[in-house]
Amino acid sequence: MIAMLVPAQVPPPSRTAVGAAYTAAAAATAGFIPLHLICALGVPLFADPDRFAAWHADGGGIYLLTLNLLAILPAILALALVRPWGLRFPDWVPVWRGEAVPRVLLLVPGYGLAVVLAGYTVFAAVLAVVQWDDPAAIFSPWTGLWGIPHFILWAGGLTIATRSYARRTAADRE
């Protein structure tokens, strides 16, 4: 049985956790979306124009638009870890209005995404080195170097905020 969480019983997040959550949300939106949106709209920013045009026409634009839309979800997740609506569903949620948010609903994606982002950061760093002088590369390796700090902030902030949420809500599990 899932224990009901009353927001008054759950201690507030620390300033560190709140800052980490907002940093993760900013990295997911302001750090990730602008560059990817420009390319999704067909502008070959930091890319070889000819290779980019073929890649974009072959579904690259749809792929980047999808990534942009999906980047909004982890931003919401990061904020839910430190906001009251991460403990109880808000009134505008039709079926679960006012019900306690099951911890697992935030903990599994929080930790899971942090691990995936950390892995992707390592992959992006390796790819940037491997493709540094590759004439067949579509994007400049500088895009990886631009994105790596955002992914580090995103994964780190999400880890801190998720850990804070886990600790704050642990006492109410029993």
Protein backbone atom coordinates (compact mmCIF):
# COMPACT_ATOMS: atom_id res chain seq x y z
CA MET A 1 0.00 0.00 0.00
CA ILE A 2 1.30 3.45 -0.88
CA ALA A 3 1.46 5.69 2.15
CA MET A 4 -0.22 9.04 1.83
CA LEU A 5 2.11 11.99 2.04
CA VAL A 6 0.89 15.17 3.60
CA PRO A 7 3.02 18.10 2.46
CA ALA A 8 3.10 19.50 6.00
CA GLN A 9 4.76 16.26 7.20
CA VAL A 10 7.50 16.35 4.58
CA PRO A 11 10.34 18.73 5.36
CA PRO A 12 11.03 21.40 2.75
CA PRO A 13 13.91 20.86 0.35
CA SER A 14 17.24 22.45 1.15
CA ARG A 15 18.38 25.53 -0.73
CA THR A 16 20.98 23.32 -2.38
CA ALA A 17 18.31 20.92 -3.64
CA VAL A 18 16.12 23.76 -4.90
CA GLY A 19 19.08 25.34 -6.70
CA ALA A 20 20.05 21.97 -8.16
CA ALA A 21 16.50 21.32 -9.39
CA TYR A 22 16.25 24.72 -11.06
CA THR A 23 19.71 24.27 -12.56
CA ALA A 24 18.64 20.91 -14.00
CA ALA A 25 15.43 22.44 -15.36
CA ALA A 26 17.38 25.32 -16.93
CA ALA A 27 19.92 22.93 -18.46
CA ALA A 28 17.06 20.87 -19.93
CA THR A 29 15.37 23.91 -21.42
CA ALA A 30 17.59 26.98 -21.82
CA GLY A 31 20.73 24.89 -22.28
CA PHE A 32 19.43 22.16 -24.56
CA ILE A 33 16.47 23.49 -26.54
CA PRO A 34 17.78 26.65 -28.28
CA LEU A 35 20.64 25.00 -30.18
CA HIS A 36 18.57 21.94 -31.06
CA LEU A 37 15.55 24.03 -32.07
CA ILE A 38 17.63 26.13 -34.46
CA CYS A 39 18.86 22.95 -36.16
CA ALA A 40 15.38 21.40 -36.07
CA LEU A 41 14.12 24.38 -38.04
CA GLY A 42 16.68 23.65 -40.76
CA VAL A 43 19.49 26.03 -39.89
CA PRO A 44 22.83 24.18 -40.15
CA LEU A 45 24.33 25.81 -37.06
CA PHE A 46 27.76 24.24 -36.35
CA ALA A 47 27.14 21.77 -39.17
CA ASP A 48 28.32 21.03 -42.68
CA PRO A 49 25.50 22.56 -44.78
CA ASP A 50 25.35 19.83 -47.44
CA ARG A 51 25.48 16.86 -45.07
CA PHE A 52 23.10 18.63 -42.71
CA ALA A 53 20.53 19.25 -45.46
CA ALA A 54 20.44 15.55 -46.36
CA TRP A 55 20.29 14.50 -42.69
CA HIS A 56 17.55 17.04 -41.92
CA ALA A 57 15.47 15.96 -44.91
CA ASP A 58 15.86 12.31 -43.89
CA GLY A 59 14.10 12.88 -40.55
CA GLY A 60 16.74 14.78 -38.61
CA GLY A 61 14.45 17.78 -38.19
CA ILE A 62 11.61 15.67 -36.76
CA TYR A 63 14.11 13.90 -34.51
CA LEU A 64 15.36 17.22 -33.10
CA LEU A 65 11.83 18.59 -32.66
CA THR A 66 10.94 15.44 -30.73
CA LEU A 67 14.02 15.83 -28.53
CA ASN A 68 13.04 19.43 -27.82
CA LEU A 69 9.55 18.44 -26.76
CA LEU A 70 10.91 15.60 -24.63
CA ALA A 71 13.39 17.95 -22.91
CA ILE A 72 10.45 19.72 -21.29
CA LEU A 73 9.49 16.57 -19.35
CA PRO A 74 12.74 16.29 -17.36
CA ALA A 75 12.51 20.00 -16.57
CA ILE A 76 9.07 19.41 -15.06
CA LEU A 77 10.41 16.35 -13.24
CA ALA A 78 13.29 18.36 -11.73
CA LEU A 79 10.89 21.02 -10.45
CA ALA A 80 8.43 18.43 -9.11
CA LEU A 81 11.21 17.09 -6.88
CA VAL A 82 11.29 20.38 -4.92
CA ARG A 83 7.82 21.85 -5.37
CA PRO A 84 4.63 20.98 -3.43
CA TRP A 85 3.04 19.43 -6.54
CA GLY A 86 5.72 16.75 -6.32
CA LEU A 87 4.05 15.58 -3.12
CA ARG A 88 0.38 15.97 -4.03
CA PHE A 89 -1.16 16.13 -7.49
CA PRO A 90 -2.40 19.68 -8.21
CA ASP A 91 -6.10 20.47 -8.50
CA TRP A 92 -5.93 20.67 -12.31
CA VAL A 93 -5.00 16.96 -12.58
CA PRO A 94 -8.38 15.34 -13.33
CA VAL A 95 -8.22 11.83 -11.87
CA TRP A 96 -5.65 12.15 -9.07
CA ARG A 97 -6.45 15.69 -7.91
CA GLY A 98 -5.21 16.15 -4.33
CA GLU A 99 -3.91 12.57 -4.06
CA ALA A 100 -0.41 11.82 -2.83
CA VAL A 101 2.19 11.41 -5.56
CA PRO A 102 3.75 7.94 -5.21
CA ARG A 103 7.47 8.36 -4.47
CA VAL A 104 8.42 5.87 -7.16
CA LEU A 105 6.78 8.11 -9.78
CA LEU A 106 9.53 10.69 -9.22
CA LEU A 107 12.41 8.60 -7.87
CA VAL A 108 12.68 6.08 -10.71
CA PRO A 109 12.69 8.65 -13.53
CA GLY A 110 14.84 11.05 -11.47
CA TYR A 111 17.62 8.57 -10.81
CA GLY A 112 17.16 6.79 -14.15
CA LEU A 113 17.46 9.96 -16.19
CA ALA A 114 20.45 11.13 -14.17
CA VAL A 115 22.25 7.88 -14.98
CA VAL A 116 21.31 8.08 -18.68
CA LEU A 117 22.43 11.71 -18.88
CA ALA A 118 25.74 10.92 -17.19
CA GLY A 119 26.30 8.07 -19.66
CA TYR A 120 25.37 10.28 -22.58
CA THR A 121 27.78 12.94 -21.36
CA VAL A 122 30.64 10.43 -21.46
CA PHE A 123 29.48 9.26 -24.91
CA ALA A 124 29.34 12.87 -26.19
CA ALA A 125 32.84 13.57 -24.86
CA VAL A 126 34.25 10.48 -26.56
CA LEU A 127 32.37 11.26 -29.79
CA ALA A 128 33.71 14.83 -29.83
CA VAL A 129 37.27 13.51 -29.63
CA VAL A 130 36.71 10.74 -32.19
CA GLN A 131 35.02 13.04 -34.69
CA TRP A 132 37.33 16.02 -34.17
CA ASP A 133 38.92 15.84 -37.62
CA ASP A 134 36.41 13.51 -39.31
CA PRO A 135 35.50 15.03 -42.69
CA ALA A 136 32.32 12.93 -42.83
CA ALA A 137 30.91 14.32 -39.57
CA ILE A 138 27.70 16.31 -39.97
CA PHE A 139 28.10 18.44 -36.85
CA SER A 140 31.20 20.17 -35.59
CA PRO A 141 32.70 18.57 -32.50
CA TRP A 142 32.31 21.98 -30.86
CA THR A 143 28.61 21.22 -30.46
CA GLY A 144 29.59 18.38 -28.14
CA LEU A 145 31.86 20.65 -26.19
CA TRP A 146 29.02 23.15 -25.93
CA GLY A 147 26.57 20.49 -24.75
CA ILE A 148 28.75 18.59 -22.30
CA PRO A 149 28.63 21.26 -19.56
CA HIS A 150 24.84 21.42 -19.90
CA PHE A 151 24.56 17.65 -19.54
CA ILE A 152 26.85 17.69 -16.49
CA LEU A 153 24.71 20.38 -14.86
CA TRP A 154 21.53 18.58 -15.88
CA ALA A 155 22.61 15.17 -14.54
CA GLY A 156 24.21 16.61 -11.41
CA GLY A 157 21.27 18.84 -10.56
CA LEU A 158 18.81 16.03 -11.13
CA THR A 159 20.84 13.69 -8.92
CA ILE A 160 20.97 16.18 -6.05
CA ALA A 161 17.26 17.04 -6.31
CA THR A 162 16.23 13.38 -6.56
CA ARG A 163 18.38 12.42 -3.57
CA SER A 164 16.85 15.26 -1.56
CA TYR A 165 13.33 14.14 -2.48
CA ALA A 166 14.18 10.55 -1.54
CA ARG A 167 15.49 11.60 1.88
CA ARG A 168 12.67 14.02 2.62
CA THR A 169 9.92 11.57 1.72
CA ALA A 170 11.53 8.43 3.16
CA ALA A 171 10.05 8.84 6.65
CA ASP A 172 6.51 8.72 5.28
CA ARG A 173 6.91 5.44 3.40
CA GLU A 174 6.05 3.19 6.31
